[in-house]
N, C-alpha and C. Protein backbone atom coordinates (compact mmCIF):
# COMPACT_ATOMS: atom_id res chain seq x y z
N MET A 1 -14.55 28.28 -66.12
CA MET A 1 -13.96 29.61 -66.34
C MET A 1 -13.64 30.42 -65.06
N SER A 2 -14.59 30.32 -64.09
CA SER A 2 -14.34 31.13 -62.91
C SER A 2 -13.16 30.48 -62.08
N THR A 3 -12.99 29.19 -62.22
CA THR A 3 -11.84 28.57 -61.55
C THR A 3 -10.54 29.14 -62.08
N TRP A 4 -10.42 29.26 -63.42
CA TRP A 4 -9.16 29.76 -64.02
C TRP A 4 -9.04 31.26 -63.79
N LEU A 5 -10.15 31.99 -63.73
CA LEU A 5 -10.00 33.43 -63.40
C LEU A 5 -9.51 33.60 -62.00
N ARG A 6 -10.04 32.78 -61.04
CA ARG A 6 -9.61 32.85 -59.67
C ARG A 6 -8.11 32.47 -59.59
N ARG A 7 -7.70 31.44 -60.29
CA ARG A 7 -6.26 30.94 -60.16
C ARG A 7 -5.38 32.09 -60.77
N LEU A 8 -5.79 32.69 -61.87
CA LEU A 8 -4.95 33.72 -62.49
C LEU A 8 -4.93 34.96 -61.58
N ARG A 9 -6.04 35.30 -60.97
CA ARG A 9 -6.08 36.42 -60.09
C ARG A 9 -5.12 36.18 -58.86
N ILE A 10 -5.19 34.98 -58.30
CA ILE A 10 -4.32 34.72 -57.17
C ILE A 10 -2.87 34.78 -57.58
N THR A 11 -2.53 34.23 -58.72
CA THR A 11 -1.11 34.35 -59.26
C THR A 11 -0.67 35.75 -59.46
N ALA A 12 -1.56 36.55 -60.03
CA ALA A 12 -1.25 37.93 -60.31
C ALA A 12 -1.03 38.66 -58.89
N SER A 13 -1.86 38.32 -57.91
CA SER A 13 -1.78 38.96 -56.59
C SER A 13 -0.44 38.52 -55.96
N ILE A 14 -0.15 37.28 -56.03
CA ILE A 14 1.20 36.82 -55.48
C ILE A 14 2.37 37.48 -56.17
N ALA A 15 2.27 37.51 -57.46
CA ALA A 15 3.37 38.23 -58.25
C ALA A 15 3.53 39.68 -57.79
N TYR A 16 2.34 40.31 -57.60
CA TYR A 16 2.40 41.74 -57.12
C TYR A 16 3.07 41.81 -55.77
N GLY A 17 2.68 40.97 -54.82
CA GLY A 17 3.16 41.05 -53.47
C GLY A 17 4.66 40.75 -53.46
N VAL A 18 5.10 39.65 -54.13
CA VAL A 18 6.48 39.32 -54.20
C VAL A 18 7.35 40.37 -54.76
N THR A 19 6.91 40.88 -55.92
CA THR A 19 7.65 41.83 -56.59
C THR A 19 7.77 43.18 -55.90
N LEU A 20 6.68 43.55 -55.27
CA LEU A 20 6.68 44.71 -54.36
C LEU A 20 7.59 44.62 -53.19
N CYS A 21 7.59 43.41 -52.56
CA CYS A 21 8.50 43.17 -51.41
C CYS A 21 9.96 43.18 -51.88
N ALA A 22 10.23 42.62 -52.98
CA ALA A 22 11.60 42.57 -53.50
C ALA A 22 12.13 44.04 -53.90
N ALA A 23 11.15 44.79 -54.42
CA ALA A 23 11.57 46.17 -54.87
C ALA A 23 11.85 47.03 -53.56
N VAL A 24 11.01 46.84 -52.51
CA VAL A 24 11.27 47.54 -51.32
C VAL A 24 12.59 47.09 -50.65
N ALA A 25 12.84 45.81 -50.65
CA ALA A 25 14.07 45.23 -50.13
C ALA A 25 15.35 45.80 -50.86
N VAL A 26 15.32 45.86 -52.19
CA VAL A 26 16.30 46.40 -52.93
C VAL A 26 16.57 47.82 -52.69
N LEU A 27 15.52 48.58 -52.50
CA LEU A 27 15.55 50.02 -52.14
C LEU A 27 16.20 50.19 -50.84
N VAL A 28 15.80 49.42 -49.85
CA VAL A 28 16.44 49.57 -48.43
C VAL A 28 17.92 49.18 -48.56
N ILE A 29 18.23 48.12 -49.15
CA ILE A 29 19.62 47.67 -49.22
C ILE A 29 20.53 48.66 -49.88
N ALA A 30 19.97 49.36 -50.86
CA ALA A 30 20.86 50.41 -51.51
C ALA A 30 21.34 51.47 -50.56
N PHE A 31 20.55 51.71 -49.51
CA PHE A 31 21.00 52.75 -48.61
C PHE A 31 21.78 52.25 -47.41
N ILE A 32 22.03 51.05 -47.33
CA ILE A 32 22.90 50.41 -46.30
C ILE A 32 24.36 50.52 -46.69
N PRO A 33 25.15 51.20 -45.89
CA PRO A 33 26.61 51.35 -46.29
C PRO A 33 27.26 50.00 -46.35
N ARG A 34 28.11 49.85 -47.29
CA ARG A 34 28.99 48.68 -47.57
C ARG A 34 28.06 47.53 -48.10
N SER A 35 26.87 47.80 -48.49
CA SER A 35 26.10 46.69 -49.10
C SER A 35 26.67 46.28 -50.32
N SER A 36 26.40 45.02 -50.74
CA SER A 36 27.11 44.45 -51.89
C SER A 36 26.64 45.08 -53.20
N VAL A 37 27.59 45.33 -54.07
CA VAL A 37 27.32 45.74 -55.44
C VAL A 37 28.12 44.80 -56.29
N VAL A 38 27.38 43.94 -57.11
CA VAL A 38 28.00 42.95 -57.98
C VAL A 38 27.68 43.48 -59.41
N LEU A 39 28.74 43.43 -60.22
CA LEU A 39 28.64 44.02 -61.60
C LEU A 39 29.34 43.03 -62.58
N ASP A 40 28.63 42.65 -63.62
CA ASP A 40 29.28 41.76 -64.70
C ASP A 40 29.84 42.72 -65.74
N LEU A 41 31.15 42.58 -65.89
CA LEU A 41 31.84 43.48 -66.93
C LEU A 41 32.27 42.61 -68.11
N PRO A 42 32.24 43.26 -69.28
CA PRO A 42 32.65 42.51 -70.47
C PRO A 42 34.12 42.20 -70.43
N SER A 43 34.56 40.97 -70.61
CA SER A 43 35.92 40.58 -70.55
C SER A 43 36.77 41.27 -71.59
N SER A 44 36.09 41.79 -72.67
CA SER A 44 36.93 42.42 -73.71
C SER A 44 37.46 43.77 -73.22
N LEU A 45 36.88 44.33 -72.13
CA LEU A 45 37.35 45.61 -71.61
C LEU A 45 38.40 45.39 -70.49
N LEU A 46 38.69 44.13 -70.19
CA LEU A 46 39.60 43.87 -69.10
C LEU A 46 41.00 43.39 -69.67
N SER A 47 41.97 43.67 -68.86
CA SER A 47 43.31 43.25 -69.28
C SER A 47 43.88 42.15 -68.35
N GLY A 48 44.90 41.46 -68.72
CA GLY A 48 45.54 40.41 -67.99
C GLY A 48 44.83 39.12 -67.85
N LEU A 49 43.78 38.94 -68.67
CA LEU A 49 43.07 37.64 -68.63
C LEU A 49 43.79 36.56 -69.24
N ASP A 50 44.83 36.81 -70.07
CA ASP A 50 45.53 35.72 -70.68
C ASP A 50 46.48 35.04 -69.68
N GLY A 51 46.69 35.60 -68.53
CA GLY A 51 47.52 35.00 -67.52
C GLY A 51 46.74 34.45 -66.31
N VAL A 52 45.48 34.09 -66.51
CA VAL A 52 44.66 33.54 -65.44
C VAL A 52 45.13 32.14 -65.14
N GLY A 53 45.43 31.82 -63.94
CA GLY A 53 45.91 30.51 -63.54
C GLY A 53 44.81 29.67 -62.91
N GLY A 54 45.17 28.37 -62.75
CA GLY A 54 44.21 27.45 -62.12
C GLY A 54 43.36 26.62 -63.19
N VAL A 55 43.65 26.84 -64.47
CA VAL A 55 42.90 26.14 -65.44
C VAL A 55 43.90 25.37 -66.35
N GLU A 56 43.43 24.35 -67.03
CA GLU A 56 44.24 23.54 -67.89
C GLU A 56 44.60 24.42 -69.13
N ALA A 57 45.69 23.95 -69.70
CA ALA A 57 46.27 24.66 -70.95
C ALA A 57 45.17 24.59 -71.98
N GLY A 58 44.92 25.66 -72.67
CA GLY A 58 43.96 25.73 -73.75
C GLY A 58 42.64 26.32 -73.26
N ALA A 59 42.41 26.41 -71.97
CA ALA A 59 41.27 27.05 -71.44
C ALA A 59 41.48 28.52 -71.19
N ILE A 60 40.68 29.36 -71.79
CA ILE A 60 40.87 30.83 -71.66
C ILE A 60 39.59 31.53 -71.22
N VAL A 61 39.71 32.69 -70.83
CA VAL A 61 38.58 33.46 -70.50
C VAL A 61 37.87 33.87 -71.78
N ASP A 62 36.58 33.69 -71.94
CA ASP A 62 35.91 34.04 -73.18
C ASP A 62 35.99 35.50 -73.49
N PRO A 63 36.65 35.87 -74.57
CA PRO A 63 36.79 37.30 -74.81
C PRO A 63 35.44 37.98 -75.16
N ASP A 64 34.45 37.24 -75.45
CA ASP A 64 33.10 37.88 -75.65
C ASP A 64 32.15 37.71 -74.51
N GLY A 65 32.74 37.15 -73.37
CA GLY A 65 31.90 36.90 -72.20
C GLY A 65 31.96 38.00 -71.15
N ARG A 66 31.37 37.78 -69.99
CA ARG A 66 31.30 38.71 -68.95
C ARG A 66 31.80 38.06 -67.69
N LEU A 67 32.45 38.87 -66.84
CA LEU A 67 32.99 38.39 -65.55
C LEU A 67 32.33 39.15 -64.44
N PRO A 68 31.92 38.52 -63.39
CA PRO A 68 31.34 39.22 -62.20
C PRO A 68 32.39 39.81 -61.33
N PHE A 69 32.16 41.03 -60.89
CA PHE A 69 33.06 41.77 -59.90
C PHE A 69 32.15 42.25 -58.78
N SER A 70 32.74 42.05 -57.61
CA SER A 70 32.07 42.60 -56.40
C SER A 70 32.78 43.74 -55.85
N LEU A 71 32.22 44.87 -55.67
CA LEU A 71 32.82 46.08 -55.15
C LEU A 71 32.99 45.93 -53.66
N ALA A 72 34.27 46.09 -53.19
CA ALA A 72 34.59 45.99 -51.79
C ALA A 72 33.92 47.01 -50.93
N ASP A 73 33.95 48.26 -51.25
CA ASP A 73 33.32 49.34 -50.54
C ASP A 73 32.60 50.33 -51.45
N PRO A 74 31.41 49.90 -51.99
CA PRO A 74 30.77 50.76 -52.96
C PRO A 74 30.37 52.12 -52.32
N SER A 75 30.42 53.15 -53.13
CA SER A 75 29.96 54.37 -52.70
C SER A 75 28.43 54.42 -52.81
N LEU A 76 27.83 55.52 -52.19
CA LEU A 76 26.36 55.67 -52.30
C LEU A 76 25.94 55.73 -53.76
N ALA A 77 26.67 56.49 -54.52
CA ALA A 77 26.30 56.69 -55.93
C ALA A 77 26.36 55.31 -56.71
N GLN A 78 27.32 54.49 -56.39
CA GLN A 78 27.35 53.18 -57.02
C GLN A 78 26.26 52.29 -56.59
N ARG A 79 25.86 52.34 -55.32
CA ARG A 79 24.67 51.57 -54.84
C ARG A 79 23.47 52.08 -55.43
N LEU A 80 23.28 53.40 -55.69
CA LEU A 80 22.12 53.98 -56.28
C LEU A 80 22.01 53.60 -57.75
N LEU A 81 23.14 53.61 -58.40
CA LEU A 81 23.14 53.20 -59.84
C LEU A 81 22.78 51.73 -59.95
N LEU A 82 23.23 50.85 -59.03
CA LEU A 82 22.77 49.47 -59.13
C LEU A 82 21.31 49.39 -58.79
N LEU A 83 20.77 50.18 -57.93
CA LEU A 83 19.35 50.25 -57.63
C LEU A 83 18.57 50.65 -58.91
N ALA A 84 19.14 51.62 -59.66
CA ALA A 84 18.48 52.05 -60.87
C ALA A 84 18.44 50.98 -62.02
N THR A 85 19.33 50.00 -61.92
CA THR A 85 19.22 48.89 -62.79
C THR A 85 18.07 47.89 -62.52
N ILE A 86 17.70 47.90 -61.30
CA ILE A 86 16.69 46.89 -60.84
C ILE A 86 15.32 47.47 -60.59
N LEU A 87 15.24 48.62 -59.88
CA LEU A 87 14.06 49.18 -59.44
C LEU A 87 12.97 49.49 -60.49
N PRO A 88 13.37 50.15 -61.60
CA PRO A 88 12.25 50.48 -62.61
C PRO A 88 11.58 49.21 -63.15
N GLY A 89 12.33 48.16 -63.45
CA GLY A 89 11.68 46.94 -63.95
C GLY A 89 10.82 46.27 -62.86
N ALA A 90 11.26 46.30 -61.63
CA ALA A 90 10.51 45.70 -60.57
C ALA A 90 9.21 46.44 -60.27
N ALA A 91 9.37 47.74 -60.29
CA ALA A 91 8.14 48.63 -60.04
C ALA A 91 7.11 48.43 -61.18
N LEU A 92 7.63 48.36 -62.36
CA LEU A 92 6.69 48.13 -63.50
C LEU A 92 5.98 46.80 -63.40
N LEU A 93 6.72 45.73 -63.08
CA LEU A 93 6.23 44.41 -62.91
C LEU A 93 5.10 44.38 -61.82
N ALA A 94 5.46 45.06 -60.71
CA ALA A 94 4.49 45.11 -59.66
C ALA A 94 3.22 45.87 -60.04
N GLU A 95 3.31 46.89 -60.75
CA GLU A 95 2.09 47.66 -61.15
C GLU A 95 1.29 46.86 -62.16
N VAL A 96 1.98 46.27 -63.11
CA VAL A 96 1.27 45.38 -64.07
C VAL A 96 0.55 44.30 -63.44
N ALA A 97 1.17 43.61 -62.49
CA ALA A 97 0.56 42.48 -61.82
C ALA A 97 -0.63 43.02 -60.90
N ARG A 98 -0.48 44.15 -60.28
CA ARG A 98 -1.56 44.73 -59.48
C ARG A 98 -2.80 45.06 -60.39
N ARG A 99 -2.56 45.62 -61.52
CA ARG A 99 -3.69 45.99 -62.38
C ARG A 99 -4.25 44.71 -62.97
N LEU A 100 -3.53 43.69 -63.27
CA LEU A 100 -4.07 42.46 -63.80
C LEU A 100 -4.93 41.73 -62.78
N ALA A 101 -4.45 41.75 -61.54
CA ALA A 101 -5.24 41.14 -60.42
C ALA A 101 -6.57 41.87 -60.24
N ALA A 102 -6.52 43.16 -60.27
CA ALA A 102 -7.83 43.97 -60.24
C ALA A 102 -8.72 43.70 -61.39
N LEU A 103 -8.25 43.60 -62.56
CA LEU A 103 -8.97 43.28 -63.72
C LEU A 103 -9.59 41.89 -63.66
N LEU A 104 -8.79 40.89 -63.20
CA LEU A 104 -9.32 39.55 -63.11
C LEU A 104 -10.32 39.42 -61.98
N ARG A 105 -10.15 40.24 -60.92
CA ARG A 105 -11.16 40.25 -59.86
C ARG A 105 -12.49 40.78 -60.34
N THR A 106 -12.50 41.85 -61.17
CA THR A 106 -13.69 42.35 -61.75
C THR A 106 -14.33 41.27 -62.74
N ALA A 107 -13.47 40.67 -63.55
CA ALA A 107 -14.06 39.72 -64.47
C ALA A 107 -14.65 38.54 -63.72
N GLU A 108 -13.99 38.12 -62.59
CA GLU A 108 -14.52 37.03 -61.84
C GLU A 108 -15.84 37.31 -61.23
N ALA A 109 -16.03 38.54 -60.79
CA ALA A 109 -17.27 38.96 -60.17
C ALA A 109 -18.38 39.13 -61.13
N GLY A 110 -18.07 39.42 -62.39
CA GLY A 110 -19.13 39.68 -63.36
C GLY A 110 -18.78 39.23 -64.75
N ASP A 111 -19.02 40.08 -65.68
CA ASP A 111 -18.78 39.80 -67.11
C ASP A 111 -17.39 40.28 -67.55
N PRO A 112 -16.58 39.43 -68.08
CA PRO A 112 -15.21 39.94 -68.51
C PRO A 112 -15.28 40.65 -69.87
N PHE A 113 -16.41 40.43 -70.67
CA PHE A 113 -16.56 41.05 -71.94
C PHE A 113 -17.23 42.44 -71.92
N THR A 114 -16.47 43.45 -71.31
CA THR A 114 -17.09 44.72 -71.19
C THR A 114 -16.08 45.71 -71.81
N ALA A 115 -16.59 46.90 -72.10
CA ALA A 115 -15.76 47.91 -72.68
C ALA A 115 -14.72 48.40 -71.64
N ASP A 116 -15.13 48.41 -70.43
CA ASP A 116 -14.23 48.80 -69.33
C ASP A 116 -13.05 47.86 -69.19
N SER A 117 -13.35 46.51 -69.28
CA SER A 117 -12.25 45.50 -69.26
C SER A 117 -11.33 45.69 -70.44
N ALA A 118 -11.84 45.89 -71.55
CA ALA A 118 -11.05 45.99 -72.76
C ALA A 118 -10.18 47.28 -72.63
N ARG A 119 -10.74 48.39 -72.14
CA ARG A 119 -9.97 49.65 -71.91
C ARG A 119 -8.82 49.46 -70.99
N GLU A 120 -9.17 48.77 -69.78
CA GLU A 120 -8.13 48.56 -68.79
C GLU A 120 -7.00 47.66 -69.34
N LEU A 121 -7.40 46.60 -70.04
CA LEU A 121 -6.41 45.72 -70.56
C LEU A 121 -5.49 46.45 -71.57
N MET A 122 -6.06 47.29 -72.42
CA MET A 122 -5.35 48.08 -73.34
C MET A 122 -4.41 49.03 -72.67
N PHE A 123 -4.79 49.63 -71.57
CA PHE A 123 -3.94 50.41 -70.76
C PHE A 123 -2.75 49.60 -70.21
N ILE A 124 -3.10 48.39 -69.70
CA ILE A 124 -1.97 47.51 -69.22
C ILE A 124 -1.03 47.19 -70.36
N ALA A 125 -1.56 47.00 -71.60
CA ALA A 125 -0.69 46.65 -72.71
C ALA A 125 0.19 47.88 -73.00
N LYS A 126 -0.25 49.08 -72.97
CA LYS A 126 0.54 50.24 -73.23
C LYS A 126 1.56 50.40 -72.11
N LEU A 127 1.18 50.21 -70.88
CA LEU A 127 2.05 50.34 -69.70
C LEU A 127 3.15 49.31 -69.77
N THR A 128 2.83 48.06 -70.16
CA THR A 128 3.85 47.04 -70.27
C THR A 128 4.83 47.42 -71.41
N ALA A 129 4.34 47.83 -72.61
CA ALA A 129 5.21 48.06 -73.78
C ALA A 129 6.05 49.26 -73.50
N PHE A 130 5.50 50.37 -73.28
CA PHE A 130 6.19 51.61 -73.13
C PHE A 130 6.93 51.75 -71.80
N GLY A 131 6.33 51.24 -70.74
CA GLY A 131 7.01 51.19 -69.41
C GLY A 131 8.15 50.28 -69.51
N GLY A 132 8.04 49.16 -70.12
CA GLY A 132 9.19 48.16 -70.22
C GLY A 132 10.28 48.79 -71.00
N LEU A 133 9.97 49.56 -72.11
CA LEU A 133 10.99 50.18 -72.91
C LEU A 133 11.79 51.22 -71.99
N ALA A 134 10.91 52.05 -71.25
CA ALA A 134 11.57 53.03 -70.47
C ALA A 134 12.35 52.43 -69.33
N ALA A 135 11.94 51.33 -68.75
CA ALA A 135 12.67 50.71 -67.61
C ALA A 135 14.01 50.14 -68.24
N TRP A 136 13.94 49.58 -69.39
CA TRP A 136 15.19 49.07 -70.04
C TRP A 136 16.18 50.22 -70.30
N VAL A 137 15.66 51.37 -70.77
CA VAL A 137 16.55 52.47 -71.12
C VAL A 137 17.17 52.98 -69.81
N VAL A 138 16.42 53.14 -68.73
CA VAL A 138 16.99 53.57 -67.47
C VAL A 138 18.00 52.56 -66.93
N ALA A 139 17.67 51.31 -66.93
CA ALA A 139 18.55 50.26 -66.43
C ALA A 139 19.87 50.19 -67.26
N ALA A 140 19.72 50.31 -68.61
CA ALA A 140 20.94 50.27 -69.42
C ALA A 140 21.80 51.48 -69.17
N GLY A 141 21.22 52.65 -69.00
CA GLY A 141 21.98 53.85 -68.65
C GLY A 141 22.66 53.74 -67.33
N ALA A 142 21.97 53.28 -66.35
CA ALA A 142 22.52 53.12 -65.00
C ALA A 142 23.62 52.10 -65.01
N LEU A 143 23.45 50.98 -65.71
CA LEU A 143 24.49 49.99 -65.76
C LEU A 143 25.77 50.51 -66.50
N SER A 144 25.57 51.25 -67.52
CA SER A 144 26.69 51.86 -68.23
C SER A 144 27.43 52.86 -67.34
N ALA A 145 26.69 53.69 -66.62
CA ALA A 145 27.33 54.64 -65.71
C ALA A 145 28.02 53.98 -64.59
N LEU A 146 27.46 52.81 -63.99
CA LEU A 146 28.05 52.07 -63.00
C LEU A 146 29.36 51.46 -63.44
N ALA A 147 29.34 50.91 -64.64
CA ALA A 147 30.54 50.28 -65.16
C ALA A 147 31.66 51.32 -65.38
N ALA A 148 31.28 52.54 -65.71
CA ALA A 148 32.25 53.59 -65.94
C ALA A 148 32.92 53.99 -64.66
N THR A 149 32.23 53.75 -63.47
CA THR A 149 32.86 54.08 -62.22
C THR A 149 33.79 52.94 -61.78
N VAL A 150 33.69 51.75 -62.35
CA VAL A 150 34.49 50.65 -61.94
C VAL A 150 35.67 50.44 -62.84
N LEU A 151 35.49 50.66 -64.08
CA LEU A 151 36.65 50.49 -65.09
C LEU A 151 37.64 51.63 -64.92
N ASP A 152 38.89 51.33 -64.89
CA ASP A 152 39.86 52.44 -64.76
C ASP A 152 39.96 53.33 -66.02
N SER A 153 39.49 52.75 -67.11
CA SER A 153 39.43 53.59 -68.38
C SER A 153 38.22 54.51 -68.38
N GLY A 154 37.28 54.23 -67.52
CA GLY A 154 36.07 55.06 -67.51
C GLY A 154 35.12 54.76 -68.64
N THR A 155 35.39 53.64 -69.24
CA THR A 155 34.57 53.26 -70.45
C THR A 155 33.17 52.87 -70.08
N ALA A 156 32.20 53.40 -70.74
CA ALA A 156 30.77 53.00 -70.52
C ALA A 156 30.56 51.74 -71.34
N ILE A 157 29.85 50.73 -70.72
CA ILE A 157 29.60 49.50 -71.49
C ILE A 157 28.23 49.64 -72.28
N LYS A 158 28.15 48.73 -73.30
CA LYS A 158 26.87 48.75 -74.10
C LYS A 158 25.78 48.07 -73.27
N PRO A 159 24.60 48.46 -73.46
CA PRO A 159 23.49 47.79 -72.78
C PRO A 159 23.38 46.29 -73.01
N GLU A 160 22.87 45.56 -72.02
CA GLU A 160 22.68 44.21 -72.17
C GLU A 160 21.21 44.02 -72.63
N GLY A 161 21.02 42.82 -73.28
CA GLY A 161 19.62 42.45 -73.61
C GLY A 161 18.99 43.38 -74.59
N THR A 162 17.70 43.31 -74.62
CA THR A 162 16.86 44.05 -75.57
C THR A 162 15.54 44.38 -74.92
N PRO A 163 14.90 45.46 -75.33
CA PRO A 163 13.55 45.76 -74.88
C PRO A 163 12.46 45.02 -75.61
N PHE A 164 12.82 43.99 -76.30
CA PHE A 164 11.98 43.24 -77.17
C PHE A 164 10.88 42.57 -76.40
N TRP A 165 11.15 41.94 -75.23
CA TRP A 165 10.07 41.17 -74.50
C TRP A 165 8.92 42.07 -73.99
N PRO A 166 9.22 43.22 -73.34
CA PRO A 166 8.03 44.01 -72.95
C PRO A 166 7.16 44.46 -74.09
N LEU A 167 7.72 44.66 -75.27
CA LEU A 167 6.97 45.05 -76.39
C LEU A 167 6.10 43.93 -76.88
N VAL A 168 6.62 42.66 -76.88
CA VAL A 168 5.89 41.49 -77.30
C VAL A 168 4.75 41.23 -76.25
N ILE A 169 5.11 41.31 -74.98
CA ILE A 169 4.01 41.06 -73.95
C ILE A 169 2.91 42.12 -74.11
N GLY A 170 3.31 43.37 -74.26
CA GLY A 170 2.30 44.45 -74.43
C GLY A 170 1.44 44.19 -75.66
N PHE A 171 2.02 43.62 -76.77
CA PHE A 171 1.28 43.34 -77.97
C PHE A 171 0.27 42.23 -77.66
N VAL A 172 0.67 41.24 -76.83
CA VAL A 172 -0.26 40.14 -76.49
C VAL A 172 -1.41 40.67 -75.70
N PHE A 173 -1.09 41.53 -74.72
CA PHE A 173 -2.18 42.13 -73.91
C PHE A 173 -3.08 42.96 -74.82
N ALA A 174 -2.61 43.71 -75.79
CA ALA A 174 -3.37 44.48 -76.66
C ALA A 174 -4.27 43.59 -77.55
N ALA A 175 -3.78 42.51 -77.96
CA ALA A 175 -4.55 41.57 -78.79
C ALA A 175 -5.69 41.00 -77.96
N VAL A 176 -5.46 40.58 -76.75
CA VAL A 176 -6.52 40.12 -75.88
C VAL A 176 -7.49 41.20 -75.55
N ALA A 177 -7.08 42.44 -75.40
CA ALA A 177 -7.97 43.59 -75.20
C ALA A 177 -8.89 43.78 -76.41
N GLN A 178 -8.39 43.60 -77.56
CA GLN A 178 -9.19 43.74 -78.78
C GLN A 178 -10.23 42.60 -78.83
N LEU A 179 -9.83 41.31 -78.40
CA LEU A 179 -10.81 40.30 -78.32
C LEU A 179 -11.95 40.60 -77.37
N LEU A 180 -11.62 41.14 -76.19
CA LEU A 180 -12.63 41.51 -75.26
C LEU A 180 -13.54 42.60 -75.80
N ALA A 181 -12.99 43.56 -76.49
CA ALA A 181 -13.75 44.63 -77.11
C ALA A 181 -14.70 44.09 -78.13
N ARG A 182 -14.19 43.20 -78.97
CA ARG A 182 -15.00 42.60 -80.02
C ARG A 182 -16.09 41.76 -79.37
N GLY A 183 -15.83 41.02 -78.34
CA GLY A 183 -16.85 40.23 -77.68
C GLY A 183 -18.02 41.17 -77.13
N ASP A 184 -17.62 42.29 -76.59
CA ASP A 184 -18.61 43.26 -76.14
C ASP A 184 -19.39 43.84 -77.25
N GLU A 185 -18.77 44.11 -78.40
CA GLU A 185 -19.48 44.60 -79.57
C GLU A 185 -20.41 43.55 -80.08
N MET A 186 -20.03 42.33 -80.18
CA MET A 186 -20.91 41.27 -80.64
C MET A 186 -22.14 41.10 -79.77
N ARG A 187 -21.89 41.18 -78.51
CA ARG A 187 -23.04 41.01 -77.59
C ARG A 187 -24.03 42.20 -77.80
N THR A 188 -23.52 43.43 -77.93
CA THR A 188 -24.36 44.56 -78.17
C THR A 188 -25.10 44.42 -79.45
N GLU A 189 -24.44 43.94 -80.56
CA GLU A 189 -25.17 43.73 -81.86
C GLU A 189 -26.16 42.66 -81.69
N LEU A 190 -25.94 41.59 -80.95
CA LEU A 190 -26.91 40.52 -80.77
C LEU A 190 -28.10 41.01 -79.92
N ASP A 191 -27.85 41.82 -79.00
CA ASP A 191 -28.98 42.37 -78.22
C ASP A 191 -29.86 43.29 -79.03
N ALA A 192 -29.23 43.99 -80.03
CA ALA A 192 -30.00 44.84 -80.92
C ALA A 192 -30.91 44.02 -81.87
N VAL A 193 -30.44 42.85 -82.27
CA VAL A 193 -31.14 42.00 -83.14
C VAL A 193 -32.30 41.37 -82.52
N ILE A 194 -32.07 40.96 -81.18
CA ILE A 194 -33.17 40.26 -80.48
C ILE A 194 -34.08 41.26 -79.93
């Protein structure tokens, strides 16, 4: 058990370090003039795609697909909007990994079935679920605003993806927290009997 706790703690620590470094790098890059801004736009909002050359007859641009565009000279506002699509999720991931590493370190050093461990894991569950939902909302809004600055129609695009996965992962953390809490309760009941 201690071997797995150590491996999980090391993995969480590495995930924390890598994610934190990536978040800082993205933050710094956003303030560098002329740094790259790449945006995938829905092909349904673009015109002239029926005349794309270089492909065999019958091959067309997927009308329900997305096409990547690189901005030649993005403004600071565009770079900050791109940052807002990435940074909230990266910061959340780094914080969850940091808290998990600390929780696993405590469990490795002593007893994992404590009320404190269950409370901390329940906090991580709520942070993952609600923080993931908030990060998705911020990223979706920033992506929509960024697209509006690129499209000549000023049309805002619909958000990509779904906030489903942070909610599922938060639910899994909450379930494990309840198992830890129940283990602590059972030990207390057993100690009262003996």
